């Protein structure tokens, strides 16, 4: 896994933790629902067809999430996004910067 993908994985982990703590009151570990979502998201990151050229998921031309999981992740990001700026400011700024980058040469990994 490249640095960019690792950074995205850590960002998703942080966002799911923030969401789970806020909505489900989980402090030390994730509830089953959030753990399942995080496991799904990490699996999708590992199996991403775009590899090193991967944009953020919102900018990606390939939507690999099932609709239900995409909707759940969207809800997590809407809640966690603003809170990331105070809890993980560097991670949040890097994620925003990654989302603004134009991706060149999107190629499939083969």
C-alpha atoms as a PDB file:
ATOM      1  CA  UNK A   1       0.000   0.000   0.000  1.00  0.00           C
ATOM      2  CA  UNK A   2       1.407   3.419  -0.916  1.00  0.00           C
ATOM      3  CA  UNK A   3       1.660   6.443   1.402  1.00  0.00           C
ATOM      4  CA  UNK A   4      -1.350   8.169  -0.026  1.00  0.00           C
ATOM      5  CA  UNK A   5      -3.570   5.102   0.454  1.00  0.00           C
ATOM      6  CA  UNK A   6      -2.265   4.610   4.001  1.00  0.00           C
ATOM      7  CA  UNK A   7      -3.063   8.236   4.762  1.00  0.00           C
ATOM      8  CA  UNK A   8      -6.569   7.803   3.389  1.00  0.00           C
ATOM      9  CA  UNK A   9      -7.046   4.637   5.448  1.00  0.00           C
ATOM     10  CA  UNK A  10      -5.989   6.469   8.625  1.00  0.00           C
ATOM     11  CA  UNK A  11      -8.350   9.328   7.797  1.00  0.00           C
ATOM     12  CA  UNK A  12     -11.288   6.964   7.299  1.00  0.00           C
ATOM     13  CA  UNK A  13     -10.466   5.244  10.591  1.00  0.00           C
ATOM     14  CA  UNK A  14     -10.425   8.558  12.434  1.00  0.00           C
ATOM     15  CA  UNK A  15     -13.718   9.659  10.861  1.00  0.00           C
ATOM     16  CA  UNK A  16     -15.483   6.414  11.724  1.00  0.00           C
ATOM     17  CA  UNK A  17     -14.225   6.637  15.323  1.00  0.00           C
ATOM     18  CA  UNK A  18     -15.501  10.201  15.655  1.00  0.00           C
ATOM     19  CA  UNK A  19     -18.879   9.210  14.230  1.00  0.00           C
ATOM     20  CA  UNK A  20     -19.213   6.102  16.408  1.00  0.00           C
ATOM     21  CA  UNK A  21     -18.314   8.013  19.541  1.00  0.00           C
ATOM     22  CA  UNK A  22     -20.781  10.789  18.707  1.00  0.00           C
ATOM     23  CA  UNK A  23     -23.712   8.633  17.603  1.00  0.00           C
ATOM     24  CA  UNK A  24     -23.237   5.368  19.464  1.00  0.00           C
ATOM     25  CA  UNK A  25     -21.323   6.503  22.547  1.00  0.00           C
ATOM     26  CA  UNK A  26     -18.422   4.136  21.891  1.00  0.00           C
ATOM     27  CA  UNK A  27     -15.253   5.289  23.596  1.00  0.00           C
ATOM     28  CA  UNK A  28     -12.610   2.553  23.447  1.00  0.00           C
ATOM     29  CA  UNK A  29     -13.757   0.465  20.503  1.00  0.00           C
ATOM     30  CA  UNK A  30     -16.209   0.670  17.616  1.00  0.00           C
ATOM     31  CA  UNK A  31     -19.719  -0.715  17.746  1.00  0.00           C
ATOM     32  CA  UNK A  32     -20.449  -3.656  15.426  1.00  0.00           C
ATOM     33  CA  UNK A  33     -22.140  -1.462  12.814  1.00  0.00           C
ATOM     34  CA  UNK A  34     -19.222   0.967  12.579  1.00  0.00           C
ATOM     35  CA  UNK A  35     -16.631  -1.828  12.707  1.00  0.00           C
ATOM     36  CA  UNK A  36     -18.338  -3.461   9.725  1.00  0.00           C
ATOM     37  CA  UNK A  37     -18.337  -0.176   7.799  1.00  0.00           C
ATOM     38  CA  UNK A  38     -14.664   0.434   8.563  1.00  0.00           C
ATOM     39  CA  UNK A  39     -13.705  -3.097   7.532  1.00  0.00           C
ATOM     40  CA  UNK A  40     -15.623  -2.642   4.259  1.00  0.00           C
ATOM     41  CA  UNK A  41     -13.944   0.719   3.560  1.00  0.00           C
ATOM     42  CA  UNK A  42     -10.475  -0.668   4.249  1.00  0.00           C
ATOM     43  CA  UNK A  43     -11.131  -3.649   1.989  1.00  0.00           C
ATOM     44  CA  UNK A  44     -12.163  -1.272  -0.816  1.00  0.00           C
ATOM     45  CA  UNK A  45      -9.019   0.803  -0.349  1.00  0.00           C
ATOM     46  CA  UNK A  46      -6.785  -2.265  -0.551  1.00  0.00           C
ATOM     47  CA  UNK A  47      -8.551  -3.508  -3.678  1.00  0.00           C
ATOM     48  CA  UNK A  48      -8.715  -0.129  -5.407  1.00  0.00           C
ATOM     49  CA  UNK A  49      -8.217  -0.495  -9.147  1.00  0.00           C
ATOM     50  CA  UNK A  50      -6.528   2.883  -9.490  1.00  0.00           C
ATOM     51  CA  UNK A  51      -3.666   2.107  -7.065  1.00  0.00           C
ATOM     52  CA  UNK A  52      -1.122   4.955  -6.935  1.00  0.00           C
ATOM     53  CA  UNK A  53      -3.276   7.318  -8.992  1.00  0.00           C
ATOM     54  CA  UNK A  54      -6.277   6.956  -6.700  1.00  0.00           C
ATOM     55  CA  UNK A  55      -8.181  10.183  -6.058  1.00  0.00           C
ATOM     56  CA  UNK A  56     -10.366  10.644  -2.981  1.00  0.00           C
ATOM     57  CA  UNK A  57     -13.482   8.519  -3.222  1.00  0.00           C
ATOM     58  CA  UNK A  58     -15.738  11.494  -3.981  1.00  0.00           C
ATOM     59  CA  UNK A  59     -13.566  12.365  -6.998  1.00  0.00           C
ATOM     60  CA  UNK A  60     -13.187   8.784  -8.215  1.00  0.00           C
ATOM     61  CA  UNK A  61     -14.688   7.798 -11.589  1.00  0.00           C
ATOM     62  CA  UNK A  62     -15.194   4.224 -10.321  1.00  0.00           C
ATOM     63  CA  UNK A  63     -17.779   3.903  -7.557  1.00  0.00           C
ATOM     64  CA  UNK A  64     -16.866   0.593  -5.956  1.00  0.00           C
ATOM     65  CA  UNK A  65     -18.972   0.952  -2.801  1.00  0.00           C
ATOM     66  CA  UNK A  66     -22.392  -0.689  -2.672  1.00  0.00           C
ATOM     67  CA  UNK A  67     -25.081   1.970  -2.522  1.00  0.00           C
ATOM     68  CA  UNK A  68     -26.018   1.248   1.107  1.00  0.00           C
ATOM     69  CA  UNK A  69     -22.381   1.420   2.224  1.00  0.00           C
ATOM     70  CA  UNK A  70     -21.775   4.576   0.180  1.00  0.00           C
ATOM     71  CA  UNK A  71     -24.751   6.220   1.890  1.00  0.00           C
ATOM     72  CA  UNK A  72     -23.502   5.170   5.325  1.00  0.00           C
ATOM     73  CA  UNK A  73     -19.997   6.461   4.597  1.00  0.00           C
ATOM     74  CA  UNK A  74     -21.432   9.741   3.324  1.00  0.00           C
ATOM     75  CA  UNK A  75     -23.325  10.111   6.624  1.00  0.00           C
ATOM     76  CA  UNK A  76     -20.133   9.388   8.592  1.00  0.00           C
ATOM     77  CA  UNK A  77     -18.183  11.963   6.600  1.00  0.00           C
ATOM     78  CA  UNK A  78     -20.850  14.645   6.958  1.00  0.00           C
ATOM     79  CA  UNK A  79     -20.786  14.246  10.726  1.00  0.00           C
ATOM     80  CA  UNK A  80     -17.036  13.712  11.153  1.00  0.00           C
ATOM     81  CA  UNK A  81     -15.690  16.143   8.554  1.00  0.00           C
ATOM     82  CA  UNK A  82     -16.190  19.361  10.522  1.00  0.00           C
ATOM     83  CA  UNK A  83     -15.006  17.672  13.733  1.00  0.00           C
ATOM     84  CA  UNK A  84     -11.814  16.472  12.057  1.00  0.00           C
ATOM     85  CA  UNK A  85     -10.570  20.066  11.899  1.00  0.00           C
ATOM     86  CA  UNK A  86     -10.419  20.291  15.695  1.00  0.00           C
ATOM     87  CA  UNK A  87      -9.491  16.684  16.526  1.00  0.00           C
ATOM     88  CA  UNK A  88      -7.081  15.836  13.683  1.00  0.00           C
ATOM     89  CA  UNK A  89      -6.296  19.138  11.924  1.00  0.00           C
ATOM     90  CA  UNK A  90      -3.275  17.970   9.912  1.00  0.00           C
ATOM     91  CA  UNK A  91      -5.092  14.850   8.718  1.00  0.00           C
ATOM     92  CA  UNK A  92      -8.150  16.922   7.781  1.00  0.00           C
ATOM     93  CA  UNK A  93      -6.149  19.475   5.815  1.00  0.00           C
ATOM     94  CA  UNK A  94      -4.266  16.753   3.942  1.00  0.00           C
ATOM     95  CA  UNK A  95      -7.548  15.035   3.093  1.00  0.00           C
ATOM     96  CA  UNK A  96      -8.989  18.306   1.793  1.00  0.00           C
ATOM     97  CA  UNK A  97      -5.838  18.914  -0.260  1.00  0.00           C
ATOM     98  CA  UNK A  98      -5.981  15.387  -1.700  1.00  0.00           C
ATOM     99  CA  UNK A  99      -9.582  16.005  -2.717  1.00  0.00           C
ATOM    100  CA  UNK A 100      -8.641  19.152  -4.622  1.00  0.00           C
ATOM    101  CA  UNK A 101      -5.813  17.596  -6.602  1.00  0.00           C
ATOM    102  CA  UNK A 102      -6.485  16.882 -10.218  1.00  0.00           C
ATOM    103  CA  UNK A 103      -5.671  13.314 -11.025  1.00  0.00           C
ATOM    104  CA  UNK A 104      -3.720  12.756 -14.177  1.00  0.00           C
ATOM    105  CA  UNK A 105      -3.421   9.519 -16.032  1.00  0.00           C
ATOM    106  CA  UNK A 106      -5.982   7.414 -14.227  1.00  0.00           C
ATOM    107  CA  UNK A 107      -4.967   3.914 -15.158  1.00  0.00           C
ATOM    108  CA  UNK A 108      -6.196   0.562 -13.995  1.00  0.00           C
ATOM    109  CA  UNK A 109      -3.898  -1.711 -12.094  1.00  0.00           C
ATOM    110  CA  UNK A 110      -3.485  -4.984 -13.895  1.00  0.00           C
END
